[in-house]
Amino acid sequence: MSKRLGRGLDALIPSLSVNDDDKVIEISLTKLRPNPYQPRKHFDDDSIKELAESIKQHGVIQPIIVRSVLKGYEIIAGERRFRASGLIGSETIPAVVRSFSDQQVMEIALIENLQREDLNAIEIAVAYQAIMDKFELTQEELSLKVGKSRSHIANFLRLLSLPNEIKDNVSRGTLSMGHARALAGIKEEDVRRELARLTIENEWSVRDLEAAIQKLDHKKDEQQDTKQKAKRRDPYIESAEEKLRDQFKTTVKIKQQKDKGKIELSYYNKQDLERLLELLEQLA
C-alpha cells in the first residue's frame, strides 16, 4: 500500500483483504447490487470477458467484499468479478460481509480504483467532488484522506468546469489530463471547444496546445493594446475642443481620422442654431 495514503484510509484498505478467519458465504447474484459510490463508470468489455473465461475454468478465487443493506447486499470490492460471473451465467458468488459506513465505502471505492489506475481524470474529479459534497469536506481535508496534495485535488476539480463534450473526450481518452488542464484555464467556452477540436483533429501534444493558447493570449494582448491606444486622444485635439466650447458655448466634438476629420457643434433648439450661425458668420 502507498505510504502517501491518509491515516483514515490506512485503516480501511487492509480490511479488504480476505484471511482464514473470515466467513465466506455464497450470495445469489440477484441479491447483489453495485456500489452506488463506484467512481469508475466505464468497464472494459474485453477485460471482463477474459475474467469471465478465467472464472469459468477456475472459479472465483478471491471472494468479493460486500455490506448488508436493505433487500440484499452492496458490493464494496469486486464489481468486475460480479460482472464476469453474471456473464457466464453463475447464480452465486463467494463473498465476505463487512460493516462499512457510507463515507468509508466512497473512500474505499476511490482509493481501490486509484491504486489500480482504473479511473480516468473525469471519473476522479467527479469522485472527489462527490465525497466533498456528501461529507462536507474541504479540499485540504480530502487531500489528507486520499494522501494527495491540495493542488492535486484542485487541478482535478477544475476539470468539472469544462463543457460536457470535452469531458467526454477526456473520458474516452481522445484528450489527456494535460490537455484538459490546459483547456480548463481558458474562460471563453467557445474558445475551449474550438481548441479541443483542433487538438483532436491535429493530434496536438499538450505542448502544442499550450503553444496555441499562448499565441492566442498574445493576440488578445495586442488587440487590447490597440484598443487602449485608440482610446487615448491627442492632447492637441482635446485642447482645441475646449477652446471651441468656450467660444461657442455648446458641446463640440472633433472627430479625427489621421490628418483629417470634422468638427461637430451641437444645438438644442432653433434659437440656439441661429445663435451659432451668427457667431460663424462673424468669423467668416
Protein backbone atom coordinates (compact mmCIF):
# COMPACT_ATOMS: atom_id res chain seq x y z
CA MET A 1 0.00 0.00 0.00
CA SER A 2 1.20 3.54 -0.78
CA LYS A 3 2.74 5.33 2.18
CA ARG A 4 1.05 8.52 0.99
CA LEU A 5 -2.44 7.30 1.88
CA GLY A 6 -4.22 9.28 4.58
CA ARG A 7 -4.31 7.84 8.09
CA GLY A 8 -8.05 7.08 7.84
CA LEU A 9 -7.54 5.05 4.69
CA ASP A 10 -4.56 3.18 6.11
CA ALA A 11 -7.06 1.60 8.47
CA LEU A 12 -9.60 0.88 5.73
CA ILE A 13 -7.68 -0.67 2.84
CA PRO A 14 -6.21 -3.69 4.73
CA SER A 15 -9.75 -4.69 5.71
CA LEU A 16 -10.41 -5.52 2.04
CA SER A 17 -8.07 -8.49 2.32
CA VAL A 18 -9.70 -11.85 2.99
CA ASN A 19 -7.97 -14.07 5.56
CA ASP A 20 -8.55 -17.51 7.05
CA ASP A 21 -10.64 -16.10 9.88
CA ASP A 22 -13.22 -14.62 7.52
CA LYS A 23 -16.51 -16.39 6.94
CA VAL A 24 -17.06 -16.83 3.21
CA ILE A 25 -20.66 -17.30 2.09
CA GLU A 26 -22.27 -17.87 -1.30
CA ILE A 27 -24.57 -14.98 -2.23
CA SER A 28 -27.06 -15.01 -5.08
CA LEU A 29 -26.15 -12.53 -7.82
CA THR A 30 -29.76 -11.38 -7.75
CA LYS A 31 -29.29 -10.14 -4.18
CA LEU A 32 -26.22 -8.05 -5.07
CA ARG A 33 -26.11 -4.53 -6.36
CA PRO A 34 -23.10 -2.45 -7.44
CA ASN A 35 -21.57 0.14 -5.15
CA PRO A 36 -23.52 3.39 -5.78
CA TYR A 37 -20.35 5.30 -4.95
CA GLN A 38 -18.28 3.44 -7.53
CA PRO A 39 -16.37 6.22 -9.34
CA ARG A 40 -15.50 4.02 -12.30
CA LYS A 41 -18.19 4.39 -14.96
CA HIS A 42 -16.51 2.55 -17.81
CA PHE A 43 -15.60 -1.15 -17.60
CA ASP A 44 -13.54 -2.66 -20.38
CA ASP A 45 -15.66 -5.33 -22.05
CA ASP A 46 -12.70 -7.39 -23.26
CA SER A 47 -11.19 -7.40 -19.79
CA ILE A 48 -14.49 -8.58 -18.28
CA LYS A 49 -14.74 -11.35 -20.89
CA GLU A 50 -11.20 -12.52 -20.11
CA LEU A 51 -12.01 -12.60 -16.40
CA ALA A 52 -15.25 -14.46 -17.12
CA GLU A 53 -13.33 -17.15 -19.02
CA SER A 54 -10.91 -17.50 -16.10
CA ILE A 55 -13.79 -17.82 -13.62
CA LYS A 56 -15.43 -20.39 -15.87
CA GLN A 57 -12.28 -22.53 -15.71
CA HIS A 58 -11.06 -21.91 -12.16
CA GLY A 59 -13.97 -20.34 -10.28
CA VAL A 60 -13.84 -17.10 -8.25
CA ILE A 61 -10.52 -17.40 -6.43
CA GLN A 62 -10.85 -14.22 -4.34
CA PRO A 63 -14.25 -13.64 -2.65
CA ILE A 64 -15.82 -10.24 -3.15
CA ILE A 65 -16.38 -7.86 -0.21
CA VAL A 66 -19.95 -6.73 0.47
CA ARG A 67 -22.00 -4.98 3.11
CA SER A 68 -25.53 -5.80 4.13
CA VAL A 69 -28.17 -3.30 3.00
CA LEU A 70 -31.94 -3.21 2.74
CA LYS A 71 -33.10 -6.01 0.41
CA GLY A 72 -29.73 -7.62 -0.15
CA TYR A 73 -26.06 -6.71 -0.32
CA GLU A 74 -23.96 -3.92 -1.78
CA ILE A 75 -20.61 -4.64 -3.42
CA ILE A 76 -17.68 -2.88 -1.73
CA ALA A 77 -14.87 -4.50 -3.73
CA GLY A 78 -15.09 -6.96 -6.62
CA GLU A 79 -17.53 -5.50 -9.13
CA ARG A 80 -15.50 -6.90 -12.05
CA ARG A 81 -15.78 -10.41 -10.57
CA PHE A 82 -19.51 -9.85 -10.10
CA ARG A 83 -19.97 -8.71 -13.72
CA ALA A 84 -17.85 -11.57 -15.08
CA SER A 85 -19.78 -14.14 -13.04
CA GLY A 86 -23.05 -12.82 -14.41
CA LEU A 87 -21.63 -13.01 -17.94
CA ILE A 88 -21.14 -16.79 -17.69
CA GLY A 89 -24.48 -17.38 -16.00
CA SER A 90 -23.30 -18.05 -12.43
CA GLU A 91 -26.10 -17.99 -9.88
CA THR A 92 -23.97 -17.25 -6.82
CA ILE A 93 -20.58 -15.76 -5.94
CA PRO A 94 -18.37 -16.24 -2.82
CA ALA A 95 -18.40 -13.16 -0.60
CA VAL A 96 -17.33 -11.83 2.78
CA VAL A 97 -19.74 -9.50 4.59
CA ARG A 98 -18.24 -6.45 6.33
CA SER A 99 -19.64 -3.37 8.04
CA PHE A 100 -18.78 -0.02 6.45
CA SER A 101 -20.24 3.48 6.66
CA ASP A 102 -21.20 5.39 3.51
CA GLN A 103 -18.08 7.56 3.81
CA GLN A 104 -15.85 4.51 4.17
CA VAL A 105 -17.47 2.90 1.12
CA MET A 106 -16.86 6.02 -1.00
CA GLU A 107 -13.27 6.32 0.14
CA ILE A 108 -12.52 2.63 -0.39
CA ALA A 109 -14.01 2.65 -3.90
CA LEU A 110 -11.99 5.71 -4.82
CA ILE A 111 -8.68 4.53 -3.38
CA GLU A 112 -9.06 0.98 -4.71
CA ASN A 113 -9.51 2.32 -8.23
CA LEU A 114 -6.77 4.94 -7.88
CA GLN A 115 -4.28 2.31 -6.76
CA ARG A 116 -5.07 0.22 -9.84
CA GLU A 117 -5.19 3.37 -12.03
CA ASP A 118 -8.62 2.26 -13.26
CA LEU A 119 -10.15 5.74 -13.32
CA ASN A 120 -9.88 8.40 -15.99
CA ALA A 121 -9.35 12.03 -15.00
CA ILE A 122 -13.03 12.99 -15.15
CA GLU A 123 -14.10 10.00 -13.02
CA ILE A 124 -11.50 11.00 -10.42
CA ALA A 125 -12.75 14.61 -10.44
CA VAL A 126 -16.40 13.51 -10.06
CA ALA A 127 -15.46 11.14 -7.22
CA TYR A 128 -13.52 13.86 -5.37
CA GLN A 129 -16.43 16.29 -5.70
CA ALA A 130 -18.97 13.68 -4.59
CA ILE A 131 -17.04 12.90 -1.41
CA MET A 132 -16.56 16.59 -0.63
CA ASP A 133 -20.26 17.34 -1.16
CA LYS A 134 -21.69 14.35 0.73
CA PHE A 135 -19.45 14.66 3.77
CA GLU A 136 -18.83 18.43 3.68
CA LEU A 137 -15.06 18.14 3.35
CA THR A 138 -12.71 20.91 2.28
CA GLN A 139 -10.07 20.30 -0.37
CA GLU A 140 -7.48 20.23 2.39
CA GLU A 141 -9.41 17.62 4.41
CA LEU A 142 -9.92 15.45 1.32
CA SER A 143 -6.23 15.71 0.43
CA LEU A 144 -5.32 14.29 3.85
CA LYS A 145 -7.74 11.40 3.41
CA VAL A 146 -6.56 10.32 -0.04
CA GLY A 147 -2.89 11.11 0.52
CA LYS A 148 -2.70 13.68 -2.28
CA SER A 149 -1.68 17.35 -2.24
CA ARG A 150 -4.38 20.03 -2.13
CA SER A 151 -3.17 21.35 -5.51
CA HIS A 152 -3.63 17.85 -6.95
CA ILE A 153 -7.25 17.85 -5.74
CA ALA A 154 -7.82 21.40 -7.06
CA ASN A 155 -6.41 20.55 -10.51
CA PHE A 156 -8.84 17.66 -10.91
CA LEU A 157 -11.84 19.64 -9.64
CA ARG A 158 -11.12 22.37 -12.22
CA LEU A 159 -11.85 19.81 -14.95
CA LEU A 160 -15.51 19.76 -13.90
CA SER A 161 -15.90 23.30 -15.30
CA LEU A 162 -15.20 22.01 -18.84
CA PRO A 163 -18.07 21.60 -21.34
CA ASN A 164 -19.59 18.11 -21.42
CA GLU A 165 -18.23 17.27 -24.86
CA ILE A 166 -14.67 17.99 -23.70
CA LYS A 167 -15.19 15.91 -20.55
CA ASP A 168 -16.50 13.09 -22.74
CA ASN A 169 -13.32 13.25 -24.84
CA VAL A 170 -11.20 13.06 -21.69
CA SER A 171 -13.22 10.04 -20.52
CA ARG A 172 -12.71 8.34 -23.90
CA GLY A 173 -9.00 9.14 -23.89
CA THR A 174 -9.06 11.33 -27.01
CA LEU A 175 -7.92 14.19 -24.78
CA SER A 176 -5.42 13.67 -21.97
CA MET A 177 -5.40 15.05 -18.44
CA GLY A 178 -2.72 17.52 -19.58
CA HIS A 179 -4.92 18.72 -22.45
CA ALA A 180 -7.89 19.07 -20.09
CA ARG A 181 -5.88 21.09 -17.56
CA ALA A 182 -4.72 23.47 -20.28
CA LEU A 183 -8.27 23.91 -21.60
CA ALA A 184 -9.65 24.46 -18.10
CA GLY A 185 -7.54 27.62 -17.85
CA ILE A 186 -9.49 29.25 -20.71
CA LYS A 187 -12.51 31.32 -19.71
CA GLU A 188 -14.35 31.51 -23.05
CA GLU A 189 -16.31 28.29 -23.61
CA ASP A 190 -16.41 28.65 -27.42
CA VAL A 191 -12.61 29.03 -27.46
CA ARG A 192 -12.26 25.92 -25.28
CA ARG A 193 -14.40 23.92 -27.71
CA GLU A 194 -12.51 25.13 -30.77
CA LEU A 195 -9.10 24.39 -29.28
CA ALA A 196 -10.30 20.95 -28.16
CA ARG A 197 -11.50 20.26 -31.71
CA LEU A 198 -8.17 21.37 -33.19
CA THR A 199 -6.25 19.29 -30.65
CA ILE A 200 -8.12 16.13 -31.62
CA GLU A 201 -8.07 16.78 -35.38
CA ASN A 202 -4.38 17.70 -35.50
CA GLU A 203 -3.33 15.23 -32.79
CA TRP A 204 -1.65 18.01 -30.84
CA SER A 205 0.53 17.18 -27.89
CA VAL A 206 -0.04 19.07 -24.63
CA ARG A 207 2.89 21.31 -25.58
CA ASP A 208 1.29 22.04 -28.97
CA LEU A 209 -1.97 23.02 -27.27
CA GLU A 210 -0.18 25.22 -24.73
CA ALA A 211 1.66 26.95 -27.60
CA ALA A 212 -1.66 27.62 -29.36
CA ILE A 213 -3.12 29.06 -26.14
CA GLN A 214 -0.05 31.24 -25.63
CA LYS A 215 -0.33 32.51 -29.20
CA LEU A 216 -4.00 33.28 -28.64
CA ASP A 217 -3.23 35.14 -25.41
CA HIS A 218 -0.55 37.17 -27.22
CA LYS A 219 -3.04 38.10 -29.92
CA LYS A 220 -5.56 39.19 -27.26
CA ASP A 221 -2.90 41.35 -25.60
CA GLU A 222 -2.12 43.02 -28.95
CA GLN A 223 -5.81 43.70 -29.57
CA GLN A 224 -6.16 45.15 -26.08
CA ASP A 225 -3.17 47.42 -26.64
CA THR A 226 -4.69 48.62 -29.93
CA LYS A 227 -7.98 49.42 -28.21
CA GLN A 228 -6.23 51.29 -25.43
CA LYS A 229 -4.22 53.30 -27.93
CA ALA A 230 -7.40 54.11 -29.83
CA LYS A 231 -8.97 55.39 -26.63
CA ARG A 232 -6.03 57.72 -25.95
CA ARG A 233 -6.83 61.07 -27.56
CA ASP A 234 -4.43 63.61 -28.94
CA PRO A 235 -3.93 66.33 -26.26
CA TYR A 236 -3.96 68.98 -29.03
CA ILE A 237 -7.43 67.83 -30.17
CA GLU A 238 -8.74 67.90 -26.61
CA SER A 239 -7.36 71.40 -26.12
CA ALA A 240 -8.95 72.55 -29.39
CA GLU A 241 -12.34 71.15 -28.33
CA GLU A 242 -12.12 73.04 -25.07
CA LYS A 243 -11.34 76.36 -26.82
CA LEU A 244 -14.25 75.88 -29.22
CA ARG A 245 -16.63 75.03 -26.37
CA ASP A 246 -15.65 78.23 -24.60
CA GLN A 247 -16.11 80.23 -27.78
CA PHE A 248 -19.44 78.79 -28.97
CA LYS A 249 -20.89 77.90 -25.54
CA THR A 250 -22.04 74.49 -26.69
CA THR A 251 -20.88 70.88 -26.98
CA VAL A 252 -18.09 70.47 -29.53
CA LYS A 253 -16.71 67.20 -30.91
CA ILE A 254 -13.66 66.94 -33.11
CA LYS A 255 -13.57 63.59 -34.91
CA GLN A 256 -10.11 62.89 -36.23
CA GLN A 257 -9.02 60.30 -38.79
CA LYS A 258 -5.27 60.52 -39.30
CA ASP A 259 -4.63 64.07 -40.61
CA LYS A 260 -8.23 64.93 -41.45
CA GLY A 261 -11.54 65.00 -39.63
CA LYS A 262 -14.61 67.08 -38.85
CA ILE A 263 -15.93 69.42 -36.18
CA GLU A 264 -19.44 68.94 -34.81
CA LEU A 265 -21.29 71.75 -32.99
CA SER A 266 -24.42 70.78 -31.06
CA TYR A 267 -27.55 72.98 -30.88
CA TYR A 268 -30.68 72.33 -28.84
CA ASN A 269 -33.40 74.44 -30.47
CA LYS A 270 -34.00 76.81 -33.39
CA GLN A 271 -32.85 79.85 -31.47
CA ASP A 272 -29.64 78.09 -30.46
CA LEU A 273 -28.98 77.23 -34.11
CA GLU A 274 -29.47 80.84 -35.16
CA ARG A 275 -27.08 81.96 -32.41
CA LEU A 276 -24.37 79.61 -33.71
CA LEU A 277 -24.92 80.75 -37.31
CA GLU A 278 -24.45 84.38 -36.27
CA LEU A 279 -21.20 83.52 -34.50
CA LEU A 280 -19.93 81.60 -37.54
CA GLU A 281 -20.85 84.48 -39.86
CA GLN A 282 -18.84 86.85 -37.67
CA LEU A 283 -15.80 84.59 -38.09
CA ALA A 284 -16.16 84.35 -41.88
